[in-house]
Amino acid sequence: MKLLLDTHLLLWAAGLPERLPLPARELIASPDSELFFSAASLWEIAIKRGLGRSDFRVDPRVLRRGLLDNGYSELPVTSEHTVTVDSLPPLHRDPFDRLLVAQANVEGITLLTSDGMVARYPGPIRLVP
């Protein structure tokens, strides 16, 4: 199964795996899972780190290298992803989360999220509370 981790799950998987919900840990560890991270997540981390957010202290360059070294595949942001955001219902205002939803829909990759609002979007989204 192809899995795209939302930004918080990505941060937890890389640095605080004990914070991951058990269903997320099991899916991430499964040999049947192909793990992806979005360039949008690294962009979000870089922006929020620059704003001094305490929950975004990781260096996005170090995170990217670590993810690639641990078998994750990078999902670039394409124009198809960005224009798909326009067709999403206005359930969530966070532009990064909306882009992740669009990427999941366009690519047919299951988006793993612990955010109940994100999980309300149609498409291949799985809530891991």
N, C-alpha and C. Protein backbone atom coordinates (compact mmCIF):
# COMPACT_ATOMS: atom_id res chain seq x y z
N MET A 1 0.84 -1.17 0.00
CA MET A 1 0.00 0.00 0.00
C MET A 1 0.89 1.25 0.00
N LYS A 2 0.58 2.19 -0.86
CA LYS A 2 1.32 3.44 -0.90
C LYS A 2 0.73 4.39 0.14
N LEU A 3 1.61 4.95 0.99
CA LEU A 3 1.19 5.82 2.09
C LEU A 3 1.93 7.15 2.03
N LEU A 4 1.18 8.23 2.05
CA LEU A 4 1.71 9.59 2.15
C LEU A 4 1.44 10.05 3.56
N LEU A 5 2.49 10.37 4.32
CA LEU A 5 2.30 10.81 5.70
C LEU A 5 2.08 12.31 5.75
N ASP A 6 1.09 12.74 6.55
CA ASP A 6 0.93 14.18 6.72
C ASP A 6 2.12 14.71 7.53
N THR A 7 2.24 16.01 7.62
CA THR A 7 3.45 16.61 8.18
C THR A 7 3.70 16.21 9.62
N HIS A 8 2.67 16.21 10.45
CA HIS A 8 2.89 15.84 11.85
C HIS A 8 3.30 14.38 11.99
N LEU A 9 2.63 13.49 11.27
CA LEU A 9 3.02 12.08 11.34
C LEU A 9 4.44 11.89 10.84
N LEU A 10 4.81 12.64 9.83
CA LEU A 10 6.16 12.57 9.29
C LEU A 10 7.20 12.98 10.34
N LEU A 11 6.92 14.09 11.03
CA LEU A 11 7.83 14.56 12.08
C LEU A 11 7.93 13.54 13.21
N TRP A 12 6.80 12.97 13.59
CA TRP A 12 6.81 11.99 14.67
C TRP A 12 7.54 10.72 14.24
N ALA A 13 7.28 10.26 13.02
CA ALA A 13 7.94 9.04 12.53
C ALA A 13 9.45 9.21 12.51
N ALA A 14 9.91 10.41 12.16
CA ALA A 14 11.35 10.66 12.03
C ALA A 14 12.03 10.93 13.37
N GLY A 15 11.33 11.57 14.30
CA GLY A 15 12.02 11.99 15.51
C GLY A 15 11.38 11.61 16.83
N LEU A 16 10.08 11.33 16.82
CA LEU A 16 9.37 11.00 18.05
C LEU A 16 8.40 9.84 17.80
N PRO A 17 8.92 8.68 17.40
CA PRO A 17 8.02 7.59 17.01
C PRO A 17 7.05 7.16 18.11
N GLU A 18 7.40 7.42 19.35
CA GLU A 18 6.50 7.07 20.45
C GLU A 18 5.21 7.89 20.42
N ARG A 19 5.21 9.05 19.72
CA ARG A 19 4.01 9.88 19.60
C ARG A 19 3.06 9.39 18.52
N LEU A 20 3.56 8.51 17.65
CA LEU A 20 2.71 7.99 16.58
C LEU A 20 1.59 7.14 17.16
N PRO A 21 0.37 7.32 16.67
CA PRO A 21 -0.69 6.39 17.07
C PRO A 21 -0.31 4.97 16.64
N LEU A 22 -0.71 3.99 17.42
CA LEU A 22 -0.35 2.60 17.14
C LEU A 22 -0.72 2.18 15.71
N PRO A 23 -1.92 2.51 15.20
CA PRO A 23 -2.23 2.11 13.82
C PRO A 23 -1.24 2.70 12.80
N ALA A 24 -0.77 3.91 13.04
CA ALA A 24 0.21 4.52 12.15
C ALA A 24 1.54 3.78 12.23
N ARG A 25 1.97 3.45 13.44
CA ARG A 25 3.22 2.71 13.61
C ARG A 25 3.18 1.37 12.88
N GLU A 26 2.04 0.69 12.99
CA GLU A 26 1.91 -0.62 12.34
C GLU A 26 1.94 -0.48 10.83
N LEU A 27 1.24 0.52 10.28
CA LEU A 27 1.23 0.72 8.83
C LEU A 27 2.62 1.10 8.32
N ILE A 28 3.29 1.99 9.03
CA ILE A 28 4.62 2.45 8.61
C ILE A 28 5.62 1.29 8.65
N ALA A 29 5.50 0.42 9.64
CA ALA A 29 6.45 -0.70 9.80
C ALA A 29 6.14 -1.87 8.87
N SER A 30 4.95 -1.89 8.30
CA SER A 30 4.56 -3.03 7.46
C SER A 30 5.44 -3.14 6.22
N PRO A 31 5.90 -4.36 5.91
CA PRO A 31 6.69 -4.54 4.69
C PRO A 31 5.87 -4.31 3.42
N ASP A 32 4.55 -4.28 3.55
CA ASP A 32 3.66 -4.04 2.41
C ASP A 32 3.47 -2.55 2.12
N SER A 33 4.01 -1.69 2.98
CA SER A 33 3.83 -0.25 2.82
C SER A 33 4.97 0.38 2.05
N GLU A 34 4.61 1.22 1.10
CA GLU A 34 5.57 2.04 0.37
C GLU A 34 5.36 3.46 0.87
N LEU A 35 6.36 4.03 1.53
CA LEU A 35 6.21 5.30 2.24
C LEU A 35 6.65 6.49 1.39
N PHE A 36 5.83 7.56 1.45
CA PHE A 36 6.09 8.79 0.71
C PHE A 36 6.03 9.99 1.64
N PHE A 37 6.81 11.01 1.30
CA PHE A 37 6.67 12.31 1.94
C PHE A 37 6.54 13.34 0.84
N SER A 38 5.82 14.40 1.14
CA SER A 38 5.58 15.44 0.14
C SER A 38 6.59 16.57 0.29
N ALA A 39 7.00 17.11 -0.84
CA ALA A 39 7.81 18.33 -0.82
C ALA A 39 7.07 19.44 -0.08
N ALA A 40 5.73 19.39 -0.12
CA ALA A 40 4.92 20.40 0.58
C ALA A 40 5.15 20.33 2.09
N SER A 41 5.35 19.14 2.63
CA SER A 41 5.60 19.01 4.07
C SER A 41 6.93 19.67 4.44
N LEU A 42 7.95 19.47 3.62
CA LEU A 42 9.24 20.11 3.91
C LEU A 42 9.12 21.62 3.79
N TRP A 43 8.34 22.08 2.85
CA TRP A 43 8.10 23.52 2.70
C TRP A 43 7.40 24.06 3.95
N GLU A 44 6.37 23.33 4.41
CA GLU A 44 5.66 23.74 5.63
C GLU A 44 6.60 23.81 6.82
N ILE A 45 7.45 22.80 6.97
CA ILE A 45 8.40 22.77 8.08
C ILE A 45 9.36 23.95 7.99
N ALA A 46 9.88 24.22 6.80
CA ALA A 46 10.82 25.33 6.62
C ALA A 46 10.16 26.66 6.99
N ILE A 47 8.92 26.87 6.56
CA ILE A 47 8.22 28.12 6.85
C ILE A 47 7.95 28.25 8.34
N LYS A 48 7.39 27.21 8.93
CA LYS A 48 7.00 27.29 10.35
C LYS A 48 8.22 27.30 11.27
N ARG A 49 9.30 26.64 10.86
CA ARG A 49 10.55 26.73 11.62
C ARG A 49 11.07 28.16 11.59
N GLY A 50 11.01 28.79 10.41
CA GLY A 50 11.45 30.17 10.27
C GLY A 50 10.62 31.15 11.10
N LEU A 51 9.37 30.77 11.37
CA LEU A 51 8.49 31.60 12.20
C LEU A 51 8.71 31.34 13.69
N GLY A 52 9.58 30.37 14.00
CA GLY A 52 9.89 30.09 15.39
C GLY A 52 8.91 29.15 16.08
N ARG A 53 8.12 28.41 15.32
CA ARG A 53 7.16 27.48 15.92
C ARG A 53 7.91 26.37 16.65
N SER A 54 7.56 26.15 17.91
CA SER A 54 8.27 25.17 18.73
C SER A 54 8.06 23.74 18.26
N ASP A 55 6.98 23.46 17.54
CA ASP A 55 6.72 22.10 17.07
C ASP A 55 7.33 21.83 15.69
N PHE A 56 8.10 22.80 15.18
CA PHE A 56 8.73 22.65 13.88
C PHE A 56 10.21 23.06 13.97
N ARG A 57 10.94 22.43 14.87
CA ARG A 57 12.34 22.81 15.10
C ARG A 57 13.33 22.04 14.23
N VAL A 58 12.88 20.99 13.61
CA VAL A 58 13.79 20.14 12.83
C VAL A 58 14.27 20.89 11.58
N ASP A 59 15.52 20.66 11.23
CA ASP A 59 16.07 21.22 10.00
C ASP A 59 15.49 20.42 8.83
N PRO A 60 14.78 21.06 7.92
CA PRO A 60 14.15 20.31 6.83
C PRO A 60 15.16 19.60 5.93
N ARG A 61 16.38 20.12 5.82
CA ARG A 61 17.40 19.44 5.01
C ARG A 61 17.80 18.11 5.65
N VAL A 62 17.99 18.13 6.96
CA VAL A 62 18.36 16.92 7.69
C VAL A 62 17.21 15.91 7.64
N LEU A 63 15.99 16.40 7.81
CA LEU A 63 14.82 15.53 7.76
C LEU A 63 14.71 14.87 6.39
N ARG A 64 14.85 15.64 5.33
CA ARG A 64 14.75 15.09 3.97
C ARG A 64 15.79 13.99 3.76
N ARG A 65 17.03 14.26 4.12
CA ARG A 65 18.08 13.27 3.94
C ARG A 65 17.77 12.00 4.73
N GLY A 66 17.31 12.16 5.97
CA GLY A 66 16.98 11.01 6.80
C GLY A 66 15.82 10.20 6.23
N LEU A 67 14.81 10.87 5.70
CA LEU A 67 13.69 10.16 5.11
C LEU A 67 14.14 9.36 3.89
N LEU A 68 14.91 10.00 3.02
CA LEU A 68 15.41 9.30 1.83
C LEU A 68 16.29 8.12 2.22
N ASP A 69 17.14 8.32 3.22
CA ASP A 69 18.04 7.25 3.68
C ASP A 69 17.26 6.08 4.30
N ASN A 70 16.05 6.36 4.77
CA ASN A 70 15.24 5.31 5.41
C ASN A 70 14.16 4.75 4.50
N GLY A 71 14.31 4.98 3.20
CA GLY A 71 13.44 4.32 2.24
C GLY A 71 12.19 5.05 1.83
N TYR A 72 11.99 6.26 2.30
CA TYR A 72 10.84 7.04 1.86
C TYR A 72 11.11 7.58 0.45
N SER A 73 10.05 7.72 -0.32
CA SER A 73 10.14 8.34 -1.63
C SER A 73 9.58 9.75 -1.55
N GLU A 74 10.22 10.66 -2.26
CA GLU A 74 9.77 12.05 -2.26
C GLU A 74 8.70 12.25 -3.33
N LEU A 75 7.61 12.92 -2.96
CA LEU A 75 6.55 13.25 -3.89
C LEU A 75 6.63 14.75 -4.17
N PRO A 76 7.06 15.12 -5.38
CA PRO A 76 7.14 16.55 -5.71
C PRO A 76 5.75 17.14 -5.87
N VAL A 77 5.67 18.45 -5.79
CA VAL A 77 4.42 19.17 -6.03
C VAL A 77 4.36 19.51 -7.51
N THR A 78 3.27 19.13 -8.15
CA THR A 78 3.09 19.43 -9.57
C THR A 78 1.96 20.43 -9.76
N SER A 79 1.87 20.97 -10.95
CA SER A 79 0.78 21.90 -11.24
C SER A 79 -0.58 21.19 -11.15
N GLU A 80 -0.63 19.91 -11.48
CA GLU A 80 -1.89 19.17 -11.36
C GLU A 80 -2.32 19.11 -9.89
N HIS A 81 -1.36 18.93 -9.00
CA HIS A 81 -1.69 18.92 -7.57
C HIS A 81 -2.25 20.27 -7.15
N THR A 82 -1.60 21.34 -7.57
CA THR A 82 -2.01 22.67 -7.12
C THR A 82 -3.38 23.06 -7.65
N VAL A 83 -3.68 22.72 -8.89
CA VAL A 83 -5.00 23.10 -9.41
C VAL A 83 -6.10 22.23 -8.83
N THR A 84 -5.76 21.03 -8.38
CA THR A 84 -6.75 20.16 -7.75
C THR A 84 -7.22 20.73 -6.42
N VAL A 85 -6.38 21.50 -5.76
CA VAL A 85 -6.78 22.14 -4.49
C VAL A 85 -8.06 22.94 -4.69
N ASP A 86 -8.20 23.55 -5.86
CA ASP A 86 -9.37 24.39 -6.16
C ASP A 86 -10.68 23.60 -6.13
N SER A 87 -10.62 22.31 -6.37
CA SER A 87 -11.84 21.51 -6.42
C SER A 87 -12.21 20.90 -5.07
N LEU A 88 -11.38 21.11 -4.06
CA LEU A 88 -11.67 20.55 -2.74
C LEU A 88 -12.71 21.38 -2.02
N PRO A 89 -13.59 20.74 -1.27
CA PRO A 89 -14.55 21.50 -0.46
C PRO A 89 -13.81 22.28 0.63
N PRO A 90 -14.39 23.38 1.08
CA PRO A 90 -13.71 24.23 2.08
C PRO A 90 -13.83 23.70 3.51
N LEU A 91 -13.32 22.49 3.73
CA LEU A 91 -13.40 21.88 5.06
C LEU A 91 -12.28 22.32 5.98
N HIS A 92 -11.16 22.66 5.42
CA HIS A 92 -9.96 22.94 6.20
C HIS A 92 -9.26 24.13 5.55
N ARG A 93 -8.75 25.04 6.35
CA ARG A 93 -8.13 26.24 5.80
C ARG A 93 -6.62 26.13 5.59
N ASP A 94 -5.99 25.12 6.19
CA ASP A 94 -4.54 25.00 6.10
C ASP A 94 -4.13 24.64 4.67
N PRO A 95 -3.39 25.53 4.01
CA PRO A 95 -3.04 25.27 2.61
C PRO A 95 -2.13 24.05 2.42
N PHE A 96 -1.30 23.75 3.39
CA PHE A 96 -0.42 22.59 3.28
C PHE A 96 -1.23 21.29 3.35
N ASP A 97 -2.16 21.22 4.29
CA ASP A 97 -3.01 20.04 4.40
C ASP A 97 -3.85 19.86 3.15
N ARG A 98 -4.37 20.95 2.62
CA ARG A 98 -5.19 20.87 1.40
C ARG A 98 -4.35 20.35 0.22
N LEU A 99 -3.11 20.78 0.15
CA LEU A 99 -2.24 20.30 -0.92
C LEU A 99 -1.95 18.81 -0.77
N LEU A 100 -1.73 18.36 0.47
CA LEU A 100 -1.52 16.93 0.70
C LEU A 100 -2.73 16.11 0.28
N VAL A 101 -3.93 16.62 0.58
CA VAL A 101 -5.16 15.94 0.15
C VAL A 101 -5.22 15.87 -1.37
N ALA A 102 -4.91 16.98 -2.02
CA ALA A 102 -4.92 17.01 -3.48
C ALA A 102 -3.91 16.01 -4.05
N GLN A 103 -2.72 15.96 -3.48
CA GLN A 103 -1.72 15.01 -3.95
C GLN A 103 -2.21 13.57 -3.80
N ALA A 104 -2.80 13.26 -2.66
CA ALA A 104 -3.32 11.91 -2.43
C ALA A 104 -4.37 11.55 -3.48
N ASN A 105 -5.25 12.49 -3.76
CA ASN A 105 -6.30 12.24 -4.74
C ASN A 105 -5.73 12.07 -6.15
N VAL A 106 -4.85 12.94 -6.56
CA VAL A 106 -4.28 12.87 -7.91
C VAL A 106 -3.46 11.60 -8.09
N GLU A 107 -2.65 11.27 -7.10
CA GLU A 107 -1.72 10.15 -7.23
C GLU A 107 -2.31 8.80 -6.81
N GLY A 108 -3.48 8.83 -6.14
CA GLY A 108 -4.06 7.58 -5.66
C GLY A 108 -3.27 6.96 -4.54
N ILE A 109 -2.66 7.81 -3.73
CA ILE A 109 -1.87 7.37 -2.58
C ILE A 109 -2.68 7.66 -1.32
N THR A 110 -2.72 6.72 -0.40
CA THR A 110 -3.45 6.93 0.85
C THR A 110 -2.72 7.93 1.73
N LEU A 111 -3.41 9.00 2.09
CA LEU A 111 -2.87 10.00 3.01
C LEU A 111 -3.17 9.55 4.43
N LEU A 112 -2.12 9.34 5.23
CA LEU A 112 -2.29 9.03 6.64
C LEU A 112 -2.28 10.34 7.42
N THR A 113 -3.28 10.53 8.27
CA THR A 113 -3.37 11.75 9.06
C THR A 113 -3.94 11.45 10.43
N SER A 114 -3.55 12.26 11.39
CA SER A 114 -4.16 12.18 12.72
C SER A 114 -5.10 13.36 12.93
N ASP A 115 -5.34 14.13 11.86
CA ASP A 115 -6.19 15.31 11.90
C ASP A 115 -7.59 14.95 11.42
N GLY A 116 -8.54 14.99 12.33
CA GLY A 116 -9.92 14.64 12.00
C GLY A 116 -10.54 15.50 10.93
N MET A 117 -10.14 16.76 10.85
CA MET A 117 -10.68 17.64 9.80
C MET A 117 -10.17 17.22 8.42
N VAL A 118 -8.90 16.90 8.33
CA VAL A 118 -8.33 16.44 7.06
C VAL A 118 -9.01 15.15 6.63
N ALA A 119 -9.30 14.27 7.58
CA ALA A 119 -9.91 12.98 7.27
C ALA A 119 -11.32 13.11 6.73
N ARG A 120 -11.94 14.26 6.84
CA ARG A 120 -13.30 14.47 6.32
C ARG A 120 -13.31 14.67 4.81
N TYR A 121 -12.16 14.92 4.21
CA TYR A 121 -12.11 15.10 2.76
C TYR A 121 -12.39 13.77 2.06
N PRO A 122 -12.99 13.87 0.86
CA PRO A 122 -13.15 12.64 0.08
C PRO A 122 -11.81 12.20 -0.49
N GLY A 123 -11.71 10.92 -0.75
CA GLY A 123 -10.49 10.41 -1.36
C GLY A 123 -9.80 9.40 -0.50
N PRO A 124 -8.61 9.01 -0.90
CA PRO A 124 -7.87 7.98 -0.19
C PRO A 124 -7.17 8.53 1.05
N ILE A 125 -7.96 8.76 2.09
CA ILE A 125 -7.44 9.35 3.33
C ILE A 125 -7.78 8.41 4.48
N ARG A 126 -6.81 8.18 5.33
CA ARG A 126 -7.02 7.28 6.47
C ARG A 126 -6.66 7.99 7.75
N LEU A 127 -7.63 8.08 8.65
CA LEU A 127 -7.42 8.68 9.96
C LEU A 127 -6.79 7.64 10.87
N VAL A 128 -5.69 8.05 11.52
CA VAL A 128 -5.03 7.19 12.51
C VAL A 128 -4.99 7.95 13.83
N PRO A 129 -6.11 7.84 14.59
CA PRO A 129 -6.22 8.61 15.86
C PRO A 129 -5.31 8.10 16.95
